[in-house]
C-alpha atoms as a PDB file:
ATOM      1  CA  MET A   1     -82.351 194.152-113.855  1.00  0.00           C
ATOM      2  CA  GLU A   2     -84.062 191.893-116.384  1.00  0.00           C
ATOM      3  CA  ASN A   3     -82.408 188.781-114.867  1.00  0.00           C
ATOM      4  CA  LYS A   4     -83.660 189.695-111.410  1.00  0.00           C
ATOM      5  CA  SER A   5     -87.245 190.020-112.678  1.00  0.00           C
ATOM      6  CA  HIS A   6     -87.105 186.527-114.218  1.00  0.00           C
ATOM      7  CA  ALA A   7     -85.742 185.088-110.969  1.00  0.00           C
ATOM      8  CA  MET A   8     -88.476 186.859-108.995  1.00  0.00           C
ATOM      9  CA  ALA A   9     -91.149 185.398-111.313  1.00  0.00           C
ATOM     10  CA  ALA A  10     -89.719 181.905-111.075  1.00  0.00           C
ATOM     11  CA  GLY A  11     -89.549 182.081-107.273  1.00  0.00           C
ATOM     12  CA  THR A  12     -93.088 183.405-107.070  1.00  0.00           C
ATOM     13  CA  PHE A  13     -94.301 180.556-109.328  1.00  0.00           C
ATOM     14  CA  VAL A  14     -92.562 177.905-107.200  1.00  0.00           C
ATOM     15  CA  LEU A  15     -94.002 179.408-104.003  1.00  0.00           C
ATOM     16  CA  VAL A  16     -97.506 179.479-105.431  1.00  0.00           C
ATOM     17  CA  VAL A  17     -97.257 175.870-106.645  1.00  0.00           C
ATOM     18  CA  THR A  18     -95.942 174.776-103.244  1.00  0.00           C
ATOM     19  CA  LEU A  19     -98.814 176.498-101.462  1.00  0.00           C
ATOM     20  CA  MET A  20    -101.288 174.890-103.852  1.00  0.00           C
ATOM     21  CA  LEU A  21     -99.811 171.421-103.230  1.00  0.00           C
ATOM     22  CA  VAL A  22     -99.908 171.952 -99.457  1.00  0.00           C
ATOM     23  CA  SER A  23    -103.514 173.113 -99.689  1.00  0.00           C
ATOM     24  CA  LEU A  24    -104.400 170.103-101.847  1.00  0.00           C
ATOM     25  CA  VAL A  25    -102.802 167.705 -99.356  1.00  0.00           C
ATOM     26  CA  ILE A  26    -104.609 169.366 -96.453  1.00  0.00           C
ATOM     27  CA  TRP A  27    -107.888 169.239 -98.349  1.00  0.00           C
ATOM     28  CA  LEU A  28    -107.432 165.589 -99.309  1.00  0.00           C
ATOM     29  CA  THR A  29    -106.372 164.494 -95.820  1.00  0.00           C
ATOM     30  CA  ARG A  30    -109.002 166.462 -93.951  1.00  0.00           C
ATOM     31  CA  ASP A  31    -111.318 164.317 -91.856  1.00  0.00           C
ATOM     32  CA  LYS A  32    -114.514 165.748 -90.415  1.00  0.00           C
ATOM     33  CA  GLY A  33    -115.513 162.551 -88.585  1.00  0.00           C
ATOM     34  CA  LYS A  34    -115.572 162.095 -84.824  1.00  0.00           C
ATOM     35  CA  TYR A  35    -113.242 159.537 -83.280  1.00  0.00           C
ATOM     36  CA  GLN A  36    -112.851 157.829 -79.950  1.00  0.00           C
ATOM     37  CA  ASN A  37    -109.353 156.985 -78.690  1.00  0.00           C
ATOM     38  CA  TYR A  38    -108.530 153.549 -77.276  1.00  0.00           C
ATOM     39  CA  GLU A  39    -105.384 151.848 -76.027  1.00  0.00           C
ATOM     40  CA  LEU A  40    -104.108 148.304 -76.587  1.00  0.00           C
ATOM     41  CA  SER A  41    -101.486 146.746 -74.333  1.00  0.00           C
ATOM     42  CA  THR A  42     -99.748 143.485 -75.216  1.00  0.00           C
ATOM     43  CA  ARG A  43     -96.610 141.517 -74.370  1.00  0.00           C
ATOM     44  CA  ASP A  44     -96.521 139.930 -77.840  1.00  0.00           C
ATOM     45  CA  ALA A  45     -94.342 141.243 -80.662  1.00  0.00           C
ATOM     46  CA  ILE A  46     -96.120 143.600 -83.067  1.00  0.00           C
ATOM     47  CA  THR A  47     -93.820 143.089 -86.038  1.00  0.00           C
ATOM     48  CA  GLY A  48     -95.201 144.787 -89.169  1.00  0.00           C
ATOM     49  CA  LEU A  49     -97.444 147.284 -87.342  1.00  0.00           C
ATOM     50  CA  GLN A  50     -96.670 150.959 -88.064  1.00  0.00           C
ATOM     51  CA  PRO A  51     -98.290 154.257 -87.044  1.00  0.00           C
ATOM     52  CA  GLN A  52    -101.088 155.267 -89.412  1.00  0.00           C
ATOM     53  CA  ALA A  53    -101.860 151.582 -89.949  1.00  0.00           C
ATOM     54  CA  ALA A  54    -105.517 150.837 -90.584  1.00  0.00           C
ATOM     55  CA  VAL A  55    -107.993 149.825 -87.892  1.00  0.00           C
ATOM     56  CA  ARG A  56    -110.815 147.647 -89.192  1.00  0.00           C
ATOM     57  CA  TYR A  57    -113.980 146.341 -87.595  1.00  0.00           C
ATOM     58  CA  LYS A  58    -115.044 143.012 -89.203  1.00  0.00           C
ATOM     59  CA  GLY A  59    -113.009 144.027 -92.269  1.00  0.00           C
ATOM     60  CA  VAL A  60    -114.443 147.576 -92.567  1.00  0.00           C
ATOM     61  CA  GLY A  61    -112.038 150.478 -92.087  1.00  0.00           C
ATOM     62  CA  VAL A  62    -113.081 152.460 -88.998  1.00  0.00           C
ATOM     63  CA  GLY A  63    -109.881 154.223 -87.886  1.00  0.00           C
ATOM     64  CA  LYS A  64    -106.100 154.167 -87.683  1.00  0.00           C
ATOM     65  CA  VAL A  65    -103.150 153.662 -85.353  1.00  0.00           C
ATOM     66  CA  THR A  66    -101.998 156.977 -83.906  1.00  0.00           C
ATOM     67  CA  SER A  67     -98.909 155.930 -81.938  1.00  0.00           C
ATOM     68  CA  ILE A  68     -96.849 152.982 -80.748  1.00  0.00           C
ATOM     69  CA  SER A  69     -94.814 153.095 -77.542  1.00  0.00           C
ATOM     70  CA  PHE A  70     -94.028 151.138 -74.382  1.00  0.00           C
ATOM     71  CA  ASP A  71     -96.522 150.710 -71.568  1.00  0.00           C
ATOM     72  CA  HIS A  72     -95.228 152.263 -68.352  1.00  0.00           C
ATOM     73  CA  GLN A  73     -97.905 150.532 -66.303  1.00  0.00           C
ATOM     74  CA  ALA A  74     -96.826 147.017 -67.414  1.00  0.00           C
ATOM     75  CA  LYS A  75     -93.098 146.559 -67.878  1.00  0.00           C
ATOM     76  CA  GLY A  76     -92.252 144.813 -71.152  1.00  0.00           C
ATOM     77  CA  ASN A  77     -95.657 145.525 -72.784  1.00  0.00           C
ATOM     78  CA  VAL A  78     -96.154 147.511 -75.974  1.00  0.00           C
ATOM     79  CA  LEU A  79     -98.804 150.272 -75.878  1.00  0.00           C
ATOM     80  CA  ILE A  80    -100.782 150.952 -79.065  1.00  0.00           C
ATOM     81  CA  ARG A  81    -103.119 153.926 -79.369  1.00  0.00           C
ATOM     82  CA  ILE A  82    -105.864 153.862 -81.981  1.00  0.00           C
ATOM     83  CA  GLN A  83    -108.651 156.154 -83.178  1.00  0.00           C
ATOM     84  CA  VAL A  84    -112.029 154.557 -83.908  1.00  0.00           C
ATOM     85  CA  GLU A  85    -115.080 156.258 -85.366  1.00  0.00           C
ATOM     86  CA  ASP A  86    -117.852 156.974 -82.879  1.00  0.00           C
ATOM     87  CA  LYS A  87    -120.417 155.158 -85.019  1.00  0.00           C
ATOM     88  CA  THR A  88    -118.491 151.882 -84.743  1.00  0.00           C
ATOM     89  CA  PRO A  89    -120.658 149.389 -82.726  1.00  0.00           C
ATOM     90  CA  LEU A  90    -118.133 148.459 -80.046  1.00  0.00           C
ATOM     91  CA  GLY A  91    -119.422 146.581 -77.025  1.00  0.00           C
ATOM     92  CA  PRO A  92    -118.415 144.434 -74.059  1.00  0.00           C
ATOM     93  CA  THR A  93    -117.700 141.479 -76.426  1.00  0.00           C
ATOM     94  CA  THR A  94    -115.305 143.483 -78.669  1.00  0.00           C
ATOM     95  CA  TYR A  95    -111.662 142.478 -78.765  1.00  0.00           C
ATOM     96  CA  ALA A  96    -108.639 143.408 -80.929  1.00  0.00           C
ATOM     97  CA  THR A  97    -106.035 141.313 -82.703  1.00  0.00           C
ATOM     98  CA  LEU A  98    -103.289 141.842 -85.251  1.00  0.00           C
ATOM     99  CA  ALA A  99    -103.907 140.758 -88.854  1.00  0.00           C
ATOM    100  CA  TYR A 100    -101.554 140.806 -91.825  1.00  0.00           C
ATOM    101  CA  GLN A 101    -102.086 141.952 -95.400  1.00  0.00           C
ATOM    102  CA  GLY A 102    -101.153 139.162 -97.783  1.00  0.00           C
ATOM    103  CA  VAL A 103     -97.445 138.621 -98.379  1.00  0.00           C
ATOM    104  CA  THR A 104     -96.405 142.218 -97.633  1.00  0.00           C
ATOM    105  CA  GLY A 105     -95.994 141.541 -93.932  1.00  0.00           C
ATOM    106  CA  LEU A 106     -97.771 144.810 -93.043  1.00  0.00           C
ATOM    107  CA  ALA A 107    -100.046 144.466 -90.041  1.00  0.00           C
ATOM    108  CA  TYR A 108    -103.249 146.242 -89.070  1.00  0.00           C
ATOM    109  CA  VAL A 109    -105.552 146.172 -86.070  1.00  0.00           C
ATOM    110  CA  LEU A 110    -108.653 144.029 -86.532  1.00  0.00           C
ATOM    111  CA  LEU A 111    -111.611 144.516 -84.196  1.00  0.00           C
ATOM    112  CA  ASP A 112    -114.182 141.762 -83.817  1.00  0.00           C
ATOM    113  CA  ASP A 113    -116.856 140.455 -81.450  1.00  0.00           C
ATOM    114  CA  ALA A 114    -116.545 137.282 -79.375  1.00  0.00           C
ATOM    115  CA  GLY A 115    -119.385 135.074 -78.240  1.00  0.00           C
ATOM    116  CA  ALA A 116    -119.009 136.168 -74.607  1.00  0.00           C
ATOM    117  CA  PRO A 117    -118.052 139.402 -72.811  1.00  0.00           C
ATOM    118  CA  GLN A 118    -114.305 140.026 -72.648  1.00  0.00           C
ATOM    119  CA  ALA A 119    -112.324 140.902 -69.538  1.00  0.00           C
ATOM    120  CA  ARG A 120    -111.772 144.686 -69.504  1.00  0.00           C
ATOM    121  CA  GLN A 121    -108.462 146.277 -68.552  1.00  0.00           C
ATOM    122  CA  GLU A 122    -108.008 149.289 -66.324  1.00  0.00           C
ATOM    123  CA  PRO A 123    -107.669 152.662 -68.152  1.00  0.00           C
ATOM    124  CA  GLY A 124    -104.145 153.934 -68.796  1.00  0.00           C
ATOM    125  CA  GLU A 125    -102.350 156.994 -67.458  1.00  0.00           C
ATOM    126  CA  ASP A 126    -104.251 159.237 -69.862  1.00  0.00           C
ATOM    127  CA  GLY A 127    -107.572 157.775 -68.793  1.00  0.00           C
ATOM    128  CA  LEU A 128    -108.230 156.176 -72.197  1.00  0.00           C
ATOM    129  CA  PRO A 129    -110.266 152.941 -72.225  1.00  0.00           C
ATOM    130  CA  ARG A 130    -108.327 149.831 -73.094  1.00  0.00           C
ATOM    131  CA  LEU A 131    -109.512 147.008 -75.351  1.00  0.00           C
ATOM    132  CA  PRO A 132    -108.270 143.415 -74.833  1.00  0.00           C
ATOM    133  CA  LEU A 133    -105.693 142.416 -77.452  1.00  0.00           C
ATOM    134  CA  VAL A 134    -105.829 138.705 -78.343  1.00  0.00           C
ATOM    135  CA  THR A 135    -102.717 136.991 -79.631  1.00  0.00           C
ATOM    136  CA  SER A 136    -102.812 136.620 -83.421  1.00  0.00           C
ATOM    137  CA  GLN A 137    -102.347 133.363 -85.271  1.00  0.00           C
ATOM    138  CA  LEU A 138     -98.807 134.368 -86.171  1.00  0.00           C
ATOM    139  CA  GLY A 139     -98.107 135.086 -82.512  1.00  0.00           C
ATOM    140  CA  LYS A 140     -99.469 131.683 -81.525  1.00  0.00           C
ATOM    141  CA  MET A 141     -97.276 130.044 -84.127  1.00  0.00           C
ATOM    142  CA  THR A 142     -94.300 132.004 -82.794  1.00  0.00           C
ATOM    143  CA  GLU A 143     -95.049 130.851 -79.245  1.00  0.00           C
ATOM    144  CA  GLN A 144     -95.333 127.247 -80.430  1.00  0.00           C
ATOM    145  CA  ALA A 145     -92.169 127.485 -82.550  1.00  0.00           C
ATOM    146  CA  PRO A 146     -89.828 126.059 -79.835  1.00  0.00           C
ATOM    147  CA  GLU A 147     -92.135 123.114 -79.284  1.00  0.00           C
ATOM    148  CA  LEU A 148     -92.462 122.558 -83.038  1.00  0.00           C
ATOM    149  CA  LEU A 149     -88.680 122.710 -83.425  1.00  0.00           C
ATOM    150  CA  ALA A 150     -88.284 120.171 -80.626  1.00  0.00           C
ATOM    151  CA  GLN A 151     -90.770 117.845 -82.312  1.00  0.00           C
ATOM    152  CA  ILE A 152     -89.017 118.301 -85.658  1.00  0.00           C
ATOM    153  CA  ASN A 153     -85.677 117.517 -84.005  1.00  0.00           C
ATOM    154  CA  GLU A 154     -87.108 114.374 -82.400  1.00  0.00           C
ATOM    155  CA  ALA A 155     -88.642 113.311 -85.728  1.00  0.00           C
ATOM    156  CA  THR A 156     -85.266 113.852 -87.430  1.00  0.00           C
ATOM    157  CA  VAL A 157     -83.545 111.665 -84.853  1.00  0.00           C
ATOM    158  CA  ARG A 158     -86.090 108.910 -85.343  1.00  0.00           C
ATOM    159  CA  ILE A 159     -85.742 109.146 -89.120  1.00  0.00           C
ATOM    160  CA  ASN A 160     -81.983 108.810 -88.764  1.00  0.00           C
ATOM    161  CA  GLN A 161     -82.458 105.764 -86.572  1.00  0.00           C
ATOM    162  CA  THR A 162     -84.893 104.314 -89.095  1.00  0.00           C
ATOM    163  CA  LEU A 163     -82.414 104.873 -91.940  1.00  0.00           C
ATOM    164  CA  SER A 164     -79.517 103.186 -90.148  1.00  0.00           C
ATOM    165  CA  ASP A 165     -77.324 100.653 -91.988  1.00  0.00           C
ATOM    166  CA  ASP A 166     -79.134  97.645 -90.516  1.00  0.00           C
ATOM    167  CA  ASN A 167     -82.525  99.058 -91.356  1.00  0.00           C
ATOM    168  CA  GLN A 168     -81.380  99.900 -94.866  1.00  0.00           C
ATOM    169  CA  LYS A 169     -80.289  96.292 -95.342  1.00  0.00           C
ATOM    170  CA  ARG A 170     -83.632  95.109 -94.045  1.00  0.00           C
ATOM    171  CA  LEU A 171     -85.387  97.568 -96.316  1.00  0.00           C
ATOM    172  CA  SER A 172     -83.391  96.294 -99.302  1.00  0.00           C
ATOM    173  CA  LEU A 173     -84.307  92.713 -98.383  1.00  0.00           C
ATOM    174  CA  LEU A 174     -87.939  93.734 -98.035  1.00  0.00           C
ATOM    175  CA  LEU A 175     -87.890  95.394-101.443  1.00  0.00           C
ATOM    176  CA  SER A 176     -86.311  92.260-102.943  1.00  0.00           C
ATOM    177  CA  ASN A 177     -89.032  90.112-101.392  1.00  0.00           C
ATOM    178  CA  LEU A 178     -91.648  92.509-102.686  1.00  0.00           C
ATOM    179  CA  ALA A 179     -90.177  92.185-106.177  1.00  0.00           C
ATOM    180  CA  LYS A 180     -90.401  88.384-105.928  1.00  0.00           C
ATOM    181  CA  VAL A 181     -93.955  88.639-104.644  1.00  0.00           C
ATOM    182  CA  SER A 182     -94.773  90.927-107.564  1.00  0.00           C
ATOM    183  CA  GLU A 183     -93.340  88.387-110.041  1.00  0.00           C
ATOM    184  CA  ASN A 184     -95.318  85.575-108.411  1.00  0.00           C
ATOM    185  CA  SER A 185     -98.417  87.748-108.512  1.00  0.00           C
ATOM    186  CA  ALA A 186     -97.876  88.353-112.237  1.00  0.00           C
ATOM    187  CA  GLN A 187     -97.553  84.604-112.847  1.00  0.00           C
ATOM    188  CA  LEU A 188    -100.628  83.933-110.747  1.00  0.00           C
ATOM    189  CA  THR A 189    -102.536  86.589-112.651  1.00  0.00           C
ATOM    190  CA  ALA A 190    -101.534  85.040-115.984  1.00  0.00           C
ATOM    191  CA  SER A 191    -102.613  81.603-114.736  1.00  0.00           C
ATOM    192  CA  LEU A 192    -105.921  83.003-113.556  1.00  0.00           C
ATOM    193  CA  ASN A 193    -106.476  84.706-116.904  1.00  0.00           C
ATOM    194  CA  GLN A 194    -105.811  81.439-118.733  1.00  0.00           C
ATOM    195  CA  THR A 195    -108.157  79.580-116.391  1.00  0.00           C
ATOM    196  CA  VAL A 196    -110.847  82.172-116.920  1.00  0.00           C
ATOM    197  CA  GLN A 197    -110.464  82.035-120.694  1.00  0.00           C
ATOM    198  CA  THR A 198    -110.408  78.227-120.958  1.00  0.00           C
ATOM    199  CA  ARG A 199    -112.921  77.250-118.295  1.00  0.00           C
ATOM    200  CA  LEU A 200    -114.869  80.141-116.929  1.00  0.00           C
ATOM    201  CA  ASP A 201    -115.717  81.854-120.225  1.00  0.00           C
ATOM    202  CA  PRO A 202    -117.439  78.726-121.719  1.00  0.00           C
ATOM    203  CA  ALA A 203    -119.334  78.300-118.481  1.00  0.00           C
ATOM    204  CA  LEU A 204    -120.387  81.931-118.566  1.00  0.00           C
ATOM    205  CA  ALA A 205    -121.394  81.528-122.215  1.00  0.00           C
ATOM    206  CA  ALA A 206    -123.715  78.671-121.204  1.00  0.00           C
ATOM    207  CA  VAL A 207    -125.302  80.734-118.464  1.00  0.00           C
ATOM    208  CA  PRO A 208    -127.813  82.551-120.780  1.00  0.00           C
ATOM    209  CA  ALA A 209    -129.109  79.221-122.151  1.00  0.00           C
ATOM    210  CA  LEU A 210    -129.407  77.834-118.633  1.00  0.00           C
ATOM    211  CA  ALA A 211    -131.135  81.004-117.546  1.00  0.00           C
ATOM    212  CA  HIS A 212    -133.585  80.683-120.471  1.00  0.00           C
ATOM    213  CA  GLU A 213    -134.303  77.039-119.605  1.00  0.00           C
ATOM    214  CA  ALA A 214    -134.720  77.970-115.963  1.00  0.00           C
ATOM    215  CA  THR A 215    -137.129  80.729-117.010  1.00  0.00           C
ATOM    216  CA  VAL A 216    -139.173  78.287-119.098  1.00  0.00           C
ATOM    217  CA  THR A 217    -139.180  75.779-116.232  1.00  0.00           C
ATOM    218  CA  LEU A 218    -140.244  78.452-113.789  1.00  0.00           C
ATOM    219  CA  LYS A 219    -143.066  79.479-116.126  1.00  0.00           C
ATOM    220  CA  GLY A 220    -144.177  75.827-116.342  1.00  0.00           C
ATOM    221  CA  LEU A 221    -144.022  75.531-112.557  1.00  0.00           C
ATOM    222  CA  GLN A 222    -145.961  78.737-112.276  1.00  0.00           C
ATOM    223  CA  GLY A 223    -148.655  77.342-114.605  1.00  0.00           C
ATOM    224  CA  THR A 224    -148.726  74.085-112.621  1.00  0.00           C
ATOM    225  CA  ALA A 225    -149.018  76.026-109.394  1.00  0.00           C
ATOM    226  CA  THR A 226    -151.901  77.998-110.915  1.00  0.00           C
ATOM    227  CA  ASP A 227    -153.672  74.755-111.939  1.00  0.00           C
ATOM    228  CA  LEU A 228    -153.073  73.283-108.489  1.00  0.00           C
ATOM    229  CA  GLY A 229    -154.509  76.413-106.975  1.00  0.00           C
ATOM    230  CA  ARG A 230    -157.587  76.096-109.151  1.00  0.00           C
ATOM    231  CA  MET A 231    -157.956  72.397-108.274  1.00  0.00           C
ATOM    232  CA  SER A 232    -157.549  73.247-104.613  1.00  0.00           C
ATOM    233  CA  ASN A 233    -160.260  75.879-104.908  1.00  0.00           C
ATOM    234  CA  ALA A 234    -162.537  73.408-106.721  1.00  0.00           C
ATOM    235  CA  LEU A 235    -161.916  70.741-104.038  1.00  0.00           C
ATOM    236  CA  THR A 236    -162.586  73.301-101.344  1.00  0.00           C
ATOM    237  CA  GLN A 237    -165.848  74.312-102.989  1.00  0.00           C
ATOM    238  CA  THR A 238    -166.822  70.627-103.431  1.00  0.00           C
ATOM    239  CA  ALA A 239    -166.047  69.911 -99.782  1.00  0.00           C
ATOM    240  CA  GLN A 240    -168.105  72.922 -98.760  1.00  0.00           C
ATOM    241  CA  ARG A 241    -171.024  71.740-100.909  1.00  0.00           C
ATOM    242  CA  LEU A 242    -170.761  68.189 -99.482  1.00  0.00           C
ATOM    243  CA  ASN A 243    -170.662  69.535 -95.929  1.00  0.00           C
ATOM    244  CA  ASP A 244    -173.479  72.061 -96.426  1.00  0.00           C
ATOM    245  CA  LYS A 245    -176.726  71.529 -94.623  1.00  0.00           C
ATOM    246  CA  ASP A 246    -179.115  69.233 -96.629  1.00  0.00           C
ATOM    247  CA  GLY A 247    -176.124  68.362 -98.831  1.00  0.00           C
ATOM    248  CA  PRO A 248    -175.168  64.920-100.111  1.00  0.00           C
ATOM    249  CA  ILE A 249    -173.383  63.892 -96.913  1.00  0.00           C
ATOM    250  CA  ASP A 250    -176.282  65.106 -94.798  1.00  0.00           C
ATOM    251  CA  ARG A 251    -178.730  63.222 -97.059  1.00  0.00           C
ATOM    252  CA  ILE A 252    -176.598  60.045 -96.929  1.00  0.00           C
ATOM    253  CA  ALA A 253    -176.576  60.306 -93.134  1.00  0.00           C
ATOM    254  CA  GLN A 254    -180.385  60.692 -93.139  1.00  0.00           C
ATOM    255  CA  SER A 255    -180.737  57.690 -95.520  1.00  0.00           C
ATOM    256  CA  ALA A 256    -178.445  55.650 -93.278  1.00  0.00           C
ATOM    257  CA  ASP A 257    -180.575  56.556 -90.294  1.00  0.00           C
ATOM    258  CA  ALA A 258    -183.771  55.518 -92.199  1.00  0.00           C
ATOM    259  CA  PHE A 259    -182.150  52.256 -93.354  1.00  0.00           C
ATOM    260  CA  SER A 260    -181.067  51.524 -89.807  1.00  0.00           C
ATOM    261  CA  HIS A 261    -184.629  52.159 -88.652  1.00  0.00           C
ATOM    262  CA  VAL A 262    -185.986  49.781 -91.331  1.00  0.00           C
ATOM    263  CA  VAL A 263    -183.444  47.129 -90.336  1.00  0.00           C
ATOM    264  CA  ASP A 264    -184.431  47.526 -86.704  1.00  0.00           C
ATOM    265  CA  THR A 265    -188.104  47.212 -87.721  1.00  0.00           C
ATOM    266  CA  LEU A 266    -187.386  44.078 -89.769  1.00  0.00           C
ATOM    267  CA  GLY A 267    -185.397  42.547 -86.946  1.00  0.00           C
ATOM    268  CA  SER A 268    -187.985  43.262 -84.278  1.00  0.00           C
ATOM    269  CA  THR A 269    -191.293  42.707 -86.132  1.00  0.00           C
ATOM    270  CA  THR A 270    -191.123  41.231 -89.610  1.00  0.00           C
ATOM    271  CA  LEU A 271    -188.482  38.514 -89.100  1.00  0.00           C
ATOM    272  CA  PRO A 272    -190.281  36.895 -86.096  1.00  0.00           C
ATOM    273  CA  ARG A 273    -193.473  36.743 -88.162  1.00  0.00           C
ATOM    274  CA  VAL A 274    -191.628  35.272 -91.111  1.00  0.00           C
ATOM    275  CA  ASN A 275    -190.077  32.679 -88.802  1.00  0.00           C
ATOM    276  CA  ARG A 276    -193.485  31.694 -87.459  1.00  0.00           C
ATOM    277  CA  VAL A 277    -194.900  31.442 -90.981  1.00  0.00           C
ATOM    278  CA  ALA A 278    -191.917  29.285 -91.969  1.00  0.00           C
ATOM    279  CA  GLU A 279    -192.464  27.001 -88.979  1.00  0.00           C
ATOM    280  CA  ASP A 280    -196.158  26.681 -89.802  1.00  0.00           C
ATOM    281  CA  ALA A 281    -195.319  25.970 -93.427  1.00  0.00           C
ATOM    282  CA  SER A 282    -192.796  23.310 -92.307  1.00  0.00           C
ATOM    283  CA  ARG A 283    -195.348  21.613 -90.104  1.00  0.00           C
ATOM    284  CA  THR A 284    -197.897  21.714 -92.940  1.00  0.00           C
ATOM    285  CA  VAL A 285    -195.387  20.224 -95.349  1.00  0.00           C
ATOM    286  CA  ARG A 286    -194.561  17.450 -92.858  1.00  0.00           C
ATOM    287  CA  GLN A 287    -198.243  16.725 -92.383  1.00  0.00           C
ATOM    288  CA  LEU A 288    -198.748  16.650 -96.159  1.00  0.00           C
ATOM    289  CA  GLY A 289    -195.764  14.330 -96.415  1.00  0.00           C
ATOM    290  CA  ARG A 290    -197.188  11.987 -93.830  1.00  0.00           C
ATOM    291  CA  THR A 291    -200.579  12.129 -95.563  1.00  0.00           C
ATOM    292  CA  ALA A 292    -199.031  11.320 -98.939  1.00  0.00           C
ATOM    293  CA  THR A 293    -197.023   8.478 -97.370  1.00  0.00           C
ATOM    294  CA  GLY A 294    -200.184   7.085 -95.760  1.00  0.00           C
ATOM    295  CA  LEU A 295    -202.074   7.232 -99.020  1.00  0.00           C
ATOM    296  CA  ASN A 296    -199.237   5.517-100.766  1.00  0.00           C
ATOM    297  CA  ASP A 297    -199.133   2.732 -98.153  1.00  0.00           C
ATOM    298  CA  ASN A 298    -202.892   2.358 -97.751  1.00  0.00           C
ATOM    299  CA  PRO A 299    -204.762   3.641-100.813  1.00  0.00           C
ATOM    300  CA  GLN A 300    -207.999   1.999 -99.709  1.00  0.00           C
ATOM    301  CA  SER A 301    -208.075   4.448 -96.824  1.00  0.00           C
ATOM    302  CA  LEU A 302    -209.590   6.941 -99.201  1.00  0.00           C
ATOM    303  CA  LEU A 303    -212.627   4.579 -99.470  1.00  0.00           C
ATOM    304  CA  PHE A 304    -212.717   2.818 -96.124  1.00  0.00           C
ATOM    305  CA  GLY A 305    -210.976   5.284 -93.895  1.00  0.00           C
ATOM    306  CA  ALA A 306    -207.690   5.153 -92.289  1.00  0.00           C
ATOM    307  CA  GLY A 307    -208.599   2.459 -89.829  1.00  0.00           C
ATOM    308  CA  GLN A 308    -206.215   1.530 -87.108  1.00  0.00           C
ATOM    309  CA  MET A 309    -202.740   2.510 -87.835  1.00  0.00           C
ATOM    310  CA  LEU A 310    -200.036   0.018 -86.915  1.00  0.00           C
ATOM    311  CA  PRO A 311    -197.399   1.451 -84.603  1.00  0.00           C
ATOM    312  CA  GLY A 312    -194.214   2.411 -86.326  1.00  0.00           C
ATOM    313  CA  PRO A 313    -190.662   1.805 -85.256  1.00  0.00           C
ATOM    314  CA  GLY A 314    -190.032   3.371 -81.918  1.00  0.00           C
ATOM    315  CA  GLU A 315    -193.757   3.616 -81.126  1.00  0.00           C
ATOM    316  CA  PRO A 316    -195.385   1.584 -78.383  1.00  0.00           C
ATOM    317  CA  GLY A 317    -196.708  -1.807 -79.600  1.00  0.00           C
ATOM    318  CA  PHE A 318    -194.375  -1.900 -82.653  1.00  0.00           C
ATOM    319  CA  THR A 319    -193.571  -5.484 -83.647  1.00  0.00           C
ATOM    320  CA  PRO A 320    -190.888  -6.025 -86.234  1.00  0.00           C
ATOM    321  CA  PRO A 321    -191.851  -8.302 -89.091  1.00  0.00           C
ATOM    322  CA  PRO A 322    -190.549 -11.848 -89.098  1.00  0.00           C
ATOM    323  CA  VAL A 323    -187.289 -12.568 -90.798  1.00  0.00           C
ATOM    324  CA  VAL A 324    -187.768 -14.794 -93.847  1.00  0.00           C
ATOM    325  CA  VAL A 325    -184.869 -17.046 -94.559  1.00  0.00           C
ATOM    326  CA  ARG A 326    -184.620 -18.059 -98.174  1.00  0.00           C
ATOM    327  CA  PRO A 327    -182.852 -21.207 -99.139  1.00  0.00           C
END
């Protein structure tokens, strides 16, 4: 009897604990929010997507996947039903795509907005609105896989052709030539270094002195240019003063005009008078000369007068004196 009471107590305890766990699960999983059901239909593979997977709008959890089945309206399509909270701002530009969580491979439904309104699909058999499902990046890569494999195959063939025996020989020859070129380059570099050390370095060492001398010369030229500028300014000022009104040049021109007027006056008035006075003086001197000659020849004319003058040579009545012949 005592064993049966212990078994009854243990069973009652297990039952109570089970009921408490069930109640706790129900309480933890209860959801008082309001949801709107949508359907997604796609021909792409939905690998990694499971019922109860999360539904996110711009990365924020807004619902979950309720079921996954085949679409009877479109043969070969997969039908996904989701629940989305009523407060989620879905609009004409909203579309769905599959996203993946890290390296786990688990997928979830990601809702987002495009820049333009999306083409809407007709409601399903249950009358639920359908959202457009855009192919994910993984789906695009899967679709492009055959083309990528073909390109990889073609690249492999070309690589094999490039690495043929003839090309390998040519490549070996090319590498040998490159080695020789490298050796020649090393020799050329050593020669250039020696040239730089023996010739260029002394020249570079002399550059500062030349630069200093050039600086001094430039300073001297600058001073000379300054002096020339001052002289030019002084000459300009002198020329301006000479050319000013009533200046030296103007006065010289006035003096030249006055001198020209005096010369004209001398030529037109004074010189004729001087010429007449000179002629009169010449006649007077000739008369005085004749008078002195007459007095010298006939001194008694001062007492008795001049008397009759005998005609001179060339005058009418002139008689030459007789020629006296001496023995």
